[in-house]
PDB file of N, CA and C in Angstrom:
ATOM      1  N   ASP A   1    -192.224   9.797  20.157  1.00  0.00           N
ATOM      2  CA  ASP A   1    -190.766   9.444  20.325  1.00  0.00           C
ATOM      3  C   ASP A   1    -190.026  10.206  18.917  1.00  0.00           C
ATOM      4  N   SER A   2    -190.665  10.101  17.778  1.00  0.00           N
ATOM      5  CA  SER A   2    -190.271  10.769  16.588  1.00  0.00           C
ATOM      6  C   SER A   2    -190.217  12.214  16.625  1.00  0.00           C
ATOM      7  N   ASP A   3    -190.999  12.752  17.500  1.00  0.00           N
ATOM      8  CA  ASP A   3    -191.157  14.153  17.714  1.00  0.00           C
ATOM      9  C   ASP A   3    -190.031  14.788  18.578  1.00  0.00           C
ATOM     10  N   MET A   4    -189.294  13.895  19.101  1.00  0.00           N
ATOM     11  CA  MET A   4    -188.276  14.292  20.113  1.00  0.00           C
ATOM     12  C   MET A   4    -187.217  15.027  19.412  1.00  0.00           C
ATOM     13  N   GLU A   5    -186.610  16.079  19.837  1.00  0.00           N
ATOM     14  CA  GLU A   5    -185.488  16.763  19.311  1.00  0.00           C
ATOM     15  C   GLU A   5    -184.345  15.972  19.510  1.00  0.00           C
ATOM     16  N   ILE A   6    -183.253  16.083  18.647  1.00  0.00           N
ATOM     17  CA  ILE A   6    -181.933  15.384  18.520  1.00  0.00           C
ATOM     18  C   ILE A   6    -181.268  15.685  19.878  1.00  0.00           C
ATOM     19  N   ALA A   7    -181.330  16.931  20.294  1.00  0.00           N
ATOM     20  CA  ALA A   7    -180.542  17.295  21.660  1.00  0.00           C
ATOM     21  C   ALA A   7    -181.166  16.460  22.748  1.00  0.00           C
ATOM     22  N   ASP A   8    -182.461  16.238  22.716  1.00  0.00           N
ATOM     23  CA  ASP A   8    -183.194  15.614  23.876  1.00  0.00           C
ATOM     24  C   ASP A   8    -182.753  14.191  23.910  1.00  0.00           C
ATOM     25  N   ARG A   9    -182.905  13.472  22.617  1.00  0.00           N
ATOM     26  CA  ARG A   9    -182.326  12.095  22.526  1.00  0.00           C
ATOM     27  C   ARG A   9    -180.940  11.855  22.997  1.00  0.00           C
ATOM     28  N   ILE A  10    -180.050  12.781  22.587  1.00  0.00           N
ATOM     29  CA  ILE A  10    -178.650  12.713  22.929  1.00  0.00           C
ATOM     30  C   ILE A  10    -178.551  12.773  24.531  1.00  0.00           C
ATOM     31  N   LEU A  11    -179.388  13.768  25.085  1.00  0.00           N
ATOM     32  CA  LEU A  11    -179.295  13.851  26.534  1.00  0.00           C
ATOM     33  C   LEU A  11    -179.758  12.586  27.262  1.00  0.00           C
ATOM     34  N   LEU A  12    -180.827  12.083  26.662  1.00  0.00           N
ATOM     35  CA  LEU A  12    -181.302  10.733  27.355  1.00  0.00           C
ATOM     36  C   LEU A  12    -180.388   9.660  27.108  1.00  0.00           C
ATOM     37  N   LYS A  13    -179.615   9.527  25.917  1.00  0.00           N
ATOM     38  CA  LYS A  13    -178.832   8.398  25.794  1.00  0.00           C
ATOM     39  C   LYS A  13    -177.509   8.579  26.662  1.00  0.00           C
ATOM     40  N   ALA A  14    -177.073   9.875  26.957  1.00  0.00           N
ATOM     41  CA  ALA A  14    -175.914  10.046  27.798  1.00  0.00           C
ATOM     42  C   ALA A  14    -176.274   9.783  29.170  1.00  0.00           C
ATOM     43  N   SER A  15    -177.605  10.117  29.496  1.00  0.00           N
ATOM     44  CA  SER A  15    -177.945   9.830  30.865  1.00  0.00           C
ATOM     45  C   SER A  15    -178.003   8.306  31.270  1.00  0.00           C
ATOM     46  N   GLY A  16    -178.647   7.577  30.111  1.00  0.00           N
ATOM     47  CA  GLY A  16    -178.879   6.220  30.305  1.00  0.00           C
ATOM     48  C   GLY A  16    -177.518   5.423  30.412  1.00  0.00           C
ATOM     49  N   SER A  17    -176.686   5.851  29.527  1.00  0.00           N
ATOM     50  CA  SER A  17    -175.286   5.240  29.703  1.00  0.00           C
ATOM     51  C   SER A  17    -174.610   5.332  30.871  1.00  0.00           C
ATOM     52  N   SER A  18    -174.808   6.563  31.489  1.00  0.00           N
ATOM     53  CA  SER A  18    -174.389   6.804  32.867  1.00  0.00           C
ATOM     54  C   SER A  18    -174.813   5.917  33.892  1.00  0.00           C
ATOM     55  N   VAL A  19    -176.089   5.808  33.866  1.00  0.00           N
ATOM     56  CA  VAL A  19    -176.718   4.868  34.929  1.00  0.00           C
ATOM     57  C   VAL A  19    -176.237   3.416  34.753  1.00  0.00           C
ATOM     58  N   VAL A  20    -176.135   2.935  33.454  1.00  0.00           N
ATOM     59  CA  VAL A  20    -175.713   1.618  33.161  1.00  0.00           C
ATOM     60  C   VAL A  20    -174.244   1.380  33.601  1.00  0.00           C
ATOM     61  N   SER A  21    -173.355   2.440  33.322  1.00  0.00           N
ATOM     62  CA  SER A  21    -171.930   2.204  33.568  1.00  0.00           C
ATOM     63  C   SER A  21    -171.738   2.066  35.127  1.00  0.00           C
ATOM     64  N   ILE A  22    -172.569   2.744  35.830  1.00  0.00           N
ATOM     65  CA  ILE A  22    -172.315   2.588  37.388  1.00  0.00           C
ATOM     66  C   ILE A  22    -172.076   1.048  37.862  1.00  0.00           C
ATOM     67  N   PHE A  23    -172.983   0.339  37.310  1.00  0.00           N
ATOM     68  CA  PHE A  23    -172.704  -1.159  37.607  1.00  0.00           C
ATOM     69  C   PHE A  23    -171.871  -2.100  36.780  1.00  0.00           C
ATOM     70  N   THR A  24    -171.505  -1.376  35.613  1.00  0.00           N
ATOM     71  CA  THR A  24    -170.647  -2.290  34.872  1.00  0.00           C
ATOM     72  C   THR A  24    -169.198  -1.986  35.269  1.00  0.00           C
ATOM     73  N   SER A  25    -168.991  -0.770  35.784  1.00  0.00           N
ATOM     74  CA  SER A  25    -167.657  -0.486  36.082  1.00  0.00           C
ATOM     75  C   SER A  25    -167.018  -1.436  37.372  1.00  0.00           C
ATOM     76  N   PRO A  26    -167.801  -1.816  38.423  1.00  0.00           N
ATOM     77  CA  PRO A  26    -167.405  -2.583  39.382  1.00  0.00           C
ATOM     78  C   PRO A  26    -167.016  -4.004  38.759  1.00  0.00           C
ATOM     79  N   VAL A  27    -167.792  -4.544  37.735  1.00  0.00           N
ATOM     80  CA  VAL A  27    -167.508  -5.751  37.045  1.00  0.00           C
ATOM     81  C   VAL A  27    -166.228  -5.728  36.329  1.00  0.00           C
ATOM     82  N   SER A  28    -165.904  -4.718  35.808  1.00  0.00           N
ATOM     83  CA  SER A  28    -164.601  -4.627  35.278  1.00  0.00           C
ATOM     84  C   SER A  28    -163.424  -4.604  36.197  1.00  0.00           C
ATOM     85  N   TYR A  29    -163.757  -4.314  37.404  1.00  0.00           N
ATOM     86  CA  TYR A  29    -162.715  -4.310  38.531  1.00  0.00           C
ATOM     87  C   TYR A  29    -162.157  -5.585  38.733  1.00  0.00           C
ATOM     88  N   VAL A  30    -163.252  -6.564  38.543  1.00  0.00           N
ATOM     89  CA  VAL A  30    -162.902  -8.129  38.845  1.00  0.00           C
ATOM     90  C   VAL A  30    -161.814  -8.536  37.790  1.00  0.00           C
ATOM     91  N   GLY A  31    -161.781  -8.185  36.798  1.00  0.00           N
ATOM     92  CA  GLY A  31    -160.777  -8.494  35.788  1.00  0.00           C
ATOM     93  C   GLY A  31    -159.327  -7.782  36.212  1.00  0.00           C
ATOM     94  N   VAL A  32    -159.366  -6.663  36.604  1.00  0.00           N
ATOM     95  CA  VAL A  32    -158.218  -6.036  36.956  1.00  0.00           C
ATOM     96  C   VAL A  32    -157.644  -6.613  38.270  1.00  0.00           C
ATOM     97  N   ILE A  33    -158.380  -6.824  39.254  1.00  0.00           N
ATOM     98  CA  ILE A  33    -158.168  -7.507  40.458  1.00  0.00           C
ATOM     99  C   ILE A  33    -157.466  -8.769  40.162  1.00  0.00           C
ATOM    100  N   GLN A  34    -158.117  -9.640  39.318  1.00  0.00           N
ATOM    101  CA  GLN A  34    -157.528 -10.899  39.044  1.00  0.00           C
ATOM    102  C   GLN A  34    -156.140 -10.957  38.408  1.00  0.00           C
ATOM    103  N   ARG A  35    -156.145  -9.888  37.607  1.00  0.00           N
ATOM    104  CA  ARG A  35    -154.759  -9.892  36.900  1.00  0.00           C
ATOM    105  C   ARG A  35    -153.589  -9.465  37.951  1.00  0.00           C
ATOM    106  N   CYS A  36    -154.013  -8.764  38.934  1.00  0.00           N
ATOM    107  CA  CYS A  36    -153.011  -8.319  40.070  1.00  0.00           C
ATOM    108  C   CYS A  36    -152.823  -9.429  41.193  1.00  0.00           C
ATOM    109  N   GLN A  37    -153.720 -10.341  41.183  1.00  0.00           N
ATOM    110  CA  GLN A  37    -153.468 -11.390  42.125  1.00  0.00           C
ATOM    111  C   GLN A  37    -152.432 -12.398  41.992  1.00  0.00           C
ATOM    112  N   SER A  38    -151.714 -12.809  42.993  1.00  0.00           N
ATOM    113  CA  SER A  38    -150.619 -13.697  42.757  1.00  0.00           C
ATOM    114  C   SER A  38    -150.308 -14.266  44.264  1.00  0.00           C
ATOM    115  N   SER A  39    -149.505 -15.374  44.163  1.00  0.00           N
ATOM    116  CA  SER A  39    -149.080 -15.998  45.421  1.00  0.00           C
ATOM    117  C   SER A  39    -147.630 -15.429  45.745  1.00  0.00           C
ATOM    118  N   LEU A  40    -147.129 -14.386  44.788  1.00  0.00           N
ATOM    119  CA  LEU A  40    -145.833 -13.809  45.073  1.00  0.00           C
ATOM    120  C   LEU A  40    -145.924 -12.800  46.170  1.00  0.00           C
ATOM    121  N   PRO A  41    -144.901 -12.621  46.848  1.00  0.00           N
ATOM    122  CA  PRO A  41    -144.928 -11.503  47.961  1.00  0.00           C
ATOM    123  C   PRO A  41    -145.355 -10.154  47.417  1.00  0.00           C
ATOM    124  N   ARG A  42    -146.097  -9.351  48.350  1.00  0.00           N
ATOM    125  CA  ARG A  42    -146.417  -7.992  48.024  1.00  0.00           C
ATOM    126  C   ARG A  42    -147.468  -7.867  46.990  1.00  0.00           C
ATOM    127  N   LEU A  43    -148.091  -8.990  46.562  1.00  0.00           N
ATOM    128  CA  LEU A  43    -149.401  -8.882  45.616  1.00  0.00           C
ATOM    129  C   LEU A  43    -150.375  -9.481  46.366  1.00  0.00           C
ATOM    130  N   PRO A  44    -151.616  -8.936  45.935  1.00  0.00           N
ATOM    131  CA  PRO A  44    -152.856  -9.408  46.682  1.00  0.00           C
ATOM    132  C   PRO A  44    -153.025 -10.944  46.366  1.00  0.00           C
ATOM    133  N   ASP A  45    -153.481 -11.683  47.421  1.00  0.00           N
ATOM    134  CA  ASP A  45    -153.642 -13.177  47.521  1.00  0.00           C
ATOM    135  C   ASP A  45    -154.858 -13.672  46.585  1.00  0.00           C
ATOM    136  N   PRO A  46    -154.678 -14.634  45.727  1.00  0.00           N
ATOM    137  CA  PRO A  46    -155.800 -15.100  44.924  1.00  0.00           C
ATOM    138  C   PRO A  46    -157.102 -15.379  45.844  1.00  0.00           C
ATOM    139  N   GLU A  47    -158.259 -14.879  45.382  1.00  0.00           N
ATOM    140  CA  GLU A  47    -159.453 -15.267  45.889  1.00  0.00           C
ATOM    141  C   GLU A  47    -160.403 -15.533  44.917  1.00  0.00           C
ATOM    142  N   SER A  48    -161.628 -16.076  45.185  1.00  0.00           N
ATOM    143  CA  SER A  48    -162.613 -16.564  44.397  1.00  0.00           C
ATOM    144  C   SER A  48    -163.334 -15.445  43.709  1.00  0.00           C
ATOM    145  N   VAL A  49    -163.887 -15.514  42.661  1.00  0.00           N
ATOM    146  CA  VAL A  49    -164.805 -14.459  42.123  1.00  0.00           C
ATOM    147  C   VAL A  49    -165.781 -14.140  43.079  1.00  0.00           C
ATOM    148  N   PRO A  50    -166.628 -14.857  43.528  1.00  0.00           N
ATOM    149  CA  PRO A  50    -167.676 -14.585  44.527  1.00  0.00           C
ATOM    150  C   PRO A  50    -167.207 -13.770  45.818  1.00  0.00           C
ATOM    151  N   GLU A  51    -165.972 -14.132  46.248  1.00  0.00           N
ATOM    152  CA  GLU A  51    -165.500 -13.380  47.423  1.00  0.00           C
ATOM    153  C   GLU A  51    -165.149 -11.880  46.921  1.00  0.00           C
ATOM    154  N   MET A  52    -164.504 -11.824  45.805  1.00  0.00           N
ATOM    155  CA  MET A  52    -164.085 -10.645  45.217  1.00  0.00           C
ATOM    156  C   MET A  52    -165.159  -9.701  45.070  1.00  0.00           C
ATOM    157  N   VAL A  53    -166.317 -10.326  44.525  1.00  0.00           N
ATOM    158  CA  VAL A  53    -167.390  -9.412  44.167  1.00  0.00           C
ATOM    159  C   VAL A  53    -168.092  -8.858  45.513  1.00  0.00           C
ATOM    160  N   LYS A  54    -168.049  -9.539  46.577  1.00  0.00           N
ATOM    161  CA  LYS A  54    -168.510  -9.159  47.892  1.00  0.00           C
ATOM    162  C   LYS A  54    -167.805  -7.919  48.280  1.00  0.00           C
ATOM    163  N   THR A  55    -166.594  -7.739  47.927  1.00  0.00           N
ATOM    164  CA  THR A  55    -165.678  -6.602  48.442  1.00  0.00           C
ATOM    165  C   THR A  55    -165.610  -5.518  47.590  1.00  0.00           C
ATOM    166  N   LEU A  56    -166.548  -5.424  46.449  1.00  0.00           N
ATOM    167  CA  LEU A  56    -166.373  -4.299  45.514  1.00  0.00           C
ATOM    168  C   LEU A  56    -167.425  -3.196  46.409  1.00  0.00           C
ATOM    169  N   PRO A  57    -167.108  -2.094  45.708  1.00  0.00           N
ATOM    170  CA  PRO A  57    -167.756  -0.735  46.431  1.00  0.00           C
ATOM    171  C   PRO A  57    -169.233  -0.672  46.037  1.00  0.00           C
ATOM    172  N   TRP A  58    -170.111  -1.557  46.459  1.00  0.00           N
ATOM    173  CA  TRP A  58    -171.426  -1.491  46.045  1.00  0.00           C
ATOM    174  C   TRP A  58    -172.103  -0.383  46.645  1.00  0.00           C
ATOM    175  N   ARG A  59    -171.879   0.020  47.928  1.00  0.00           N
ATOM    176  CA  ARG A  59    -172.657   1.052  48.629  1.00  0.00           C
ATOM    177  C   ARG A  59    -172.380   2.406  47.707  1.00  0.00           C
ATOM    178  N   GLY A  60    -171.317   2.700  47.361  1.00  0.00           N
ATOM    179  CA  GLY A  60    -171.069   3.891  46.511  1.00  0.00           C
ATOM    180  C   GLY A  60    -171.738   3.783  45.233  1.00  0.00           C
ATOM    181  N   CYS A  61    -171.907   2.622  44.513  1.00  0.00           N
ATOM    182  CA  CYS A  61    -172.633   2.331  43.413  1.00  0.00           C
ATOM    183  C   CYS A  61    -174.063   2.588  43.559  1.00  0.00           C
ATOM    184  N   VAL A  62    -174.580   2.289  44.605  1.00  0.00           N
ATOM    185  CA  VAL A  62    -176.115   2.453  45.043  1.00  0.00           C
ATOM    186  C   VAL A  62    -176.273   3.904  45.136  1.00  0.00           C
ATOM    187  N   TYR A  63    -175.428   4.614  45.821  1.00  0.00           N
ATOM    188  CA  TYR A  63    -175.764   5.958  45.759  1.00  0.00           C
ATOM    189  C   TYR A  63    -175.735   6.865  44.584  1.00  0.00           C
ATOM    190  N   GLN A  64    -174.602   6.238  43.748  1.00  0.00           N
ATOM    191  CA  GLN A  64    -174.413   6.851  42.337  1.00  0.00           C
ATOM    192  C   GLN A  64    -175.811   6.555  41.645  1.00  0.00           C
ATOM    193  N   PHE A  65    -176.183   5.288  41.792  1.00  0.00           N
ATOM    194  CA  PHE A  65    -177.273   5.017  40.893  1.00  0.00           C
ATOM    195  C   PHE A  65    -178.521   5.725  41.133  1.00  0.00           C
ATOM    196  N   PHE A  66    -178.583   5.990  42.425  1.00  0.00           N
ATOM    197  CA  PHE A  66    -179.838   6.890  42.823  1.00  0.00           C
ATOM    198  C   PHE A  66    -179.641   8.219  42.444  1.00  0.00           C
ATOM    199  N   LEU A  67    -178.477   8.670  42.254  1.00  0.00           N
ATOM    200  CA  LEU A  67    -178.280  10.165  41.942  1.00  0.00           C
ATOM    201  C   LEU A  67    -178.481  10.363  40.514  1.00  0.00           C
ATOM    202  N   TYR A  68    -177.769   9.491  39.716  1.00  0.00           N
ATOM    203  CA  TYR A  68    -177.839   9.545  38.330  1.00  0.00           C
ATOM    204  C   TYR A  68    -179.198   9.155  37.762  1.00  0.00           C
ATOM    205  N   GLY A  69    -179.721   8.133  38.502  1.00  0.00           N
ATOM    206  CA  GLY A  69    -181.180   7.644  38.056  1.00  0.00           C
ATOM    207  C   GLY A  69    -182.090   8.927  38.299  1.00  0.00           C
ATOM    208  N   GLY A  70    -181.972   9.456  39.388  1.00  0.00           N
ATOM    209  CA  GLY A  70    -182.894  10.662  39.734  1.00  0.00           C
ATOM    210  C   GLY A  70    -182.748  11.744  38.792  1.00  0.00           C
ATOM    211  N   ILE A  71    -181.507  12.124  38.320  1.00  0.00           N
ATOM    212  CA  ILE A  71    -181.171  13.051  37.339  1.00  0.00           C
ATOM    213  C   ILE A  71    -181.815  12.666  35.929  1.00  0.00           C
ATOM    214  N   MET A  72    -181.651  11.424  35.570  1.00  0.00           N
ATOM    215  CA  MET A  72    -182.225  10.874  34.555  1.00  0.00           C
ATOM    216  C   MET A  72    -183.730  11.019  34.357  1.00  0.00           C
ATOM    217  N   ALA A  73    -184.400  10.638  35.586  1.00  0.00           N
ATOM    218  CA  ALA A  73    -185.846  10.766  35.792  1.00  0.00           C
ATOM    219  C   ALA A  73    -186.364  12.239  35.554  1.00  0.00           C
ATOM    220  N   ILE A  74    -185.543  13.121  36.271  1.00  0.00           N
ATOM    221  CA  ILE A  74    -185.815  14.563  36.080  1.00  0.00           C
ATOM    222  C   ILE A  74    -185.808  14.962  34.435  1.00  0.00           C
ATOM    223  N   ASN A  75    -184.800  14.487  33.861  1.00  0.00           N
ATOM    224  CA  ASN A  75    -184.622  14.848  32.486  1.00  0.00           C
ATOM    225  C   ASN A  75    -185.698  14.246  31.575  1.00  0.00           C
ATOM    226  N   VAL A  76    -186.173  13.071  31.824  1.00  0.00           N
ATOM    227  CA  VAL A  76    -187.192  12.533  31.202  1.00  0.00           C
ATOM    228  C   VAL A  76    -188.439  13.199  31.331  1.00  0.00           C
ATOM    229  N   ARG A  77    -188.700  13.598  32.628  1.00  0.00           N
ATOM    230  CA  ARG A  77    -189.937  14.454  32.962  1.00  0.00           C
ATOM    231  C   ARG A  77    -189.966  15.904  32.383  1.00  0.00           C
ATOM    232  N   LEU A  78    -188.912  16.497  32.411  1.00  0.00           N
ATOM    233  CA  LEU A  78    -188.625  17.904  31.656  1.00  0.00           C
ATOM    234  C   LEU A  78    -189.004  17.707  30.220  1.00  0.00           C
ATOM    235  N   ILE A  79    -188.317  16.696  29.510  1.00  0.00           N
ATOM    236  CA  ILE A  79    -188.509  16.537  28.066  1.00  0.00           C
ATOM    237  C   ILE A  79    -189.955  16.181  27.821  1.00  0.00           C
ATOM    238  N   GLN A  80    -190.868  15.427  28.631  1.00  0.00           N
ATOM    239  CA  GLN A  80    -192.090  15.130  28.457  1.00  0.00           C
ATOM    240  C   GLN A  80    -193.014  16.505  28.567  1.00  0.00           C
ATOM    241  N   MET A  81    -192.581  17.193  29.491  1.00  0.00           N
ATOM    242  CA  MET A  81    -193.458  18.390  29.714  1.00  0.00           C
ATOM    243  C   MET A  81    -193.079  19.404  28.615  1.00  0.00           C
ATOM    244  N   LYS A  82    -191.963  19.574  28.025  1.00  0.00           N
ATOM    245  CA  LYS A  82    -191.559  20.257  26.910  1.00  0.00           C
ATOM    246  C   LYS A  82    -192.384  19.711  25.667  1.00  0.00           C
ATOM    247  N   MET A  83    -192.563  18.612  25.459  1.00  0.00           N
ATOM    248  CA  MET A  83    -193.195  17.978  24.433  1.00  0.00           C
ATOM    249  C   MET A  83    -194.736  18.347  24.540  1.00  0.00           C
ATOM    250  N   GLN A  84    -195.206  18.287  25.765  1.00  0.00           N
ATOM    251  CA  GLN A  84    -196.578  18.495  25.921  1.00  0.00           C
ATOM    252  C   GLN A  84    -196.937  19.987  25.732  1.00  0.00           C
ATOM    253  N   LEU A  85    -196.055  20.773  26.054  1.00  0.00           N
ATOM    254  CA  LEU A  85    -196.228  22.332  25.924  1.00  0.00           C
ATOM    255  C   LEU A  85    -196.114  22.488  24.480  1.00  0.00           C
ATOM    256  N   ARG A  86    -195.386  22.007  23.749  1.00  0.00           N
ATOM    257  CA  ARG A  86    -195.165  22.182  22.239  1.00  0.00           C
ATOM    258  C   ARG A  86    -196.380  21.615  21.579  1.00  0.00           C
ATOM    259  N   ASP A  87    -196.777  20.366  22.070  1.00  0.00           N
ATOM    260  CA  ASP A  87    -198.189  19.971  21.261  1.00  0.00           C
ATOM    261  C   ASP A  87    -199.317  20.855  21.490  1.00  0.00           C
ATOM    262  N   GLN A  88    -199.334  21.498  22.737  1.00  0.00           N
ATOM    263  CA  GLN A  88    -200.352  22.416  23.059  1.00  0.00           C
ATOM    264  C   GLN A  88    -200.469  23.739  22.271  1.00  0.00           C
ATOM    265  N   ASP A  89    -199.256  24.132  21.910  1.00  0.00           N
ATOM    266  CA  ASP A  89    -199.063  25.340  20.901  1.00  0.00           C
ATOM    267  C   ASP A  89    -199.521  25.236  19.686  1.00  0.00           C
ATOM    268  N   TYR A  90    -199.534  23.915  19.142  1.00  0.00           N
ATOM    269  CA  TYR A  90    -200.009  23.609  17.748  1.00  0.00           C
ATOM    270  C   TYR A  90    -201.384  23.211  17.653  1.00  0.00           C
TER     271      TYR A  90
END
């Protein structure tokens, strides 16, 4: 890990934060939806948090998770190969 270049570390941190944000963003939707709910006309009716969570766009999140997770896995593997090649040169 200490032999990893700074650019590679930054790439992995960015990839990791992208993967994590895929599932944290729908959770933040709950707060926004709750603030918009009201018994007033033309506003969404109040509903429980479990019901709200069921209606979030989970399918899209799963697709994004596999896409970004796959990209991250490729990045990890490429960095490993790069480090192995570098070690063989020395």
